[in-house]
Amino acid sequence: MKKLLSLLLITFIAAGLLFAGGGSEKSAEEAPAPAATPAKAVYDKDQHIPEGTPPAGPIELVMWHEVSNVVQETLAEAAENFNKSQDLYHVTVMFTSNILTKVLTSNVEDRPNIVQATGNTSSTYTVPKIDSRFEDPELYVPLQVFIDHDKFDVSRIIKNSVSICVRGGQWQIFPLGNTDSGIYVNYDMLAQVGMKPEDLKSYEDVYEACRRMKEQLGKGGMLFMYQHVDPMNFAIAAEGVQLFNNDNGRSGVPDKVLFAEEGEAKDSMMAWLNFVTKMRDEGLICDPSVGSSDARLMFANGEIAFFLQTLSSYSTIESRHPEFNWGFLPSPTVRAGKANLGQSPGGRFILVTDVDDPWKEYGSWLFVKYLMEDEWAARFAMNVGYIPTTVSAAEWGDYKTYLESHPDLAAVREAQNSTPEGICMPLLAYQTDYAGAYADLLKKMLMVETDMTAEQAYETLVKNTKEAVEMYFLSAGIVI
């Protein structure tokens, strides 16, 4: 009982997991003001906080996640230690496929208590809840309820995570795994063409580096193009450009595709598509049939100079001990001359589900808080190859030493923590459809025999994205 009282009365020292960002060329005074925060949502805070005598323990809690191997081991170890730290709750961590679909179709009886969400799917849970056009599904409990009750200090959470975790002025979820979408660079090969890592401020600069490698070294196909929407989203976000309305999806489900109209969103999108087609036409992209796993090995073996991917590949590349100087650069802008305003949040997030049981909901929060302690934030980052979700975790034990020997990761961390709120990739409840439309388009664009132009690619993406928007609203009985 003493352990229970201490859990209910004492706030764990914690912070958050995610990344903030990138190589800003503007001072804090010069950075654009964050988008206006929507009016705060109002929640009944009492219904999720337990009162009175607790039920006989242990109260069983289940967490679903979608990552295996070392991530599963780290989460399982954290759960084991949490279970030993008190005697009221027992957490079981379970690998579960297709989490999003299963949770969206669940009821309180079969719902897990804690859920891991990816950056690309977190909005499917959270945005409709603060959008008055949609019925509140009551799938989860906004963490602001528990933060206010425990007076939990969120200031140590790395800054760029705010753009995904805070909706309607309230913390909805916390980061769990803080990654970045950027470029792995062979610095030795870059030096051979008279360039340095700091010269790669935009994807136009990356094109120039690849062009020189082909012309001066006779090496074409030096860049692996990750066939995913993240590189494009992160680069456009770094320019401070929003592709959808409602603060890029931060304040509601977007019903307008901004890049479908004349303006900055279209200009940035066209610049990206022109980059892709120019790289393809000049033979600067490696074989598009090569998958990420093989490309990772090609980079580690020095066969390609640039590998577009997230930080999830970092530890794998490092484990192969490549015999050259290399590193990871956070996402540049699309266009040369554009100031890099920061790094979009990415990685994974964690939320507490609504199961109509305050004891289970509060207990789930206690475990979420436990994962935010600096030790676990640091260990998670080291084991996965990510950046800690809290700024202070970088000072924890072995991770501090690790960071000192990995200056590129220290730079990513600094870039993330200097990113102003509002610099983020699109937050879409129909993210899967948008990402799928882009991935299909990119495959067609990269085919050697294709003659698809950037303009044709743009028209296709606009059409498919608009259809995804319309279908999402129609599924909820809303005509836009």
Foldseek 3Di string as FASTA:
>chain_A
DVLVVCLQQAFDAFEFFAFAWDDFPDDPVPFDDADDFAAADDDDLVLQADDDDDDDDQDEAEEEDADDDLLQVLLQVLQVVVCVSDTHYHYDYDYDPPLVVDLLPDALVPHGFKYKFFLLALLLQPFLCLAVVFDRPQFFDACQSVCVSNVHDHVQFFAQCCQRQDASNTGRWGHDFYKFWFKKFQQVLLVVLPDGPVQPQALVSVVVSLVSCCVPVVAAQQEEDALWCRLLLFQALQLVDAQFPPLLSRHHATQDGNLVDDDDNVVQLLLQLQSLLVSLVVRRRHDNVDHLVVVLVCVLAVNHGMYTDMQQSVVVSVVSVRPGDIATHGRHHHDPPRGRQIGAITGMIMGGTDSSDSVSRVVVVSSVRSCRHLVNQQVSCVSRRGQRRGPCSCVDDPNVVVCVVHVNRVNRRVRGNNHHHSSHGRRHSLSVQLRVQSSVLSVQSNPNPDPDGSVNSSVSSVVSVSVSSQVVQVVSVHGD
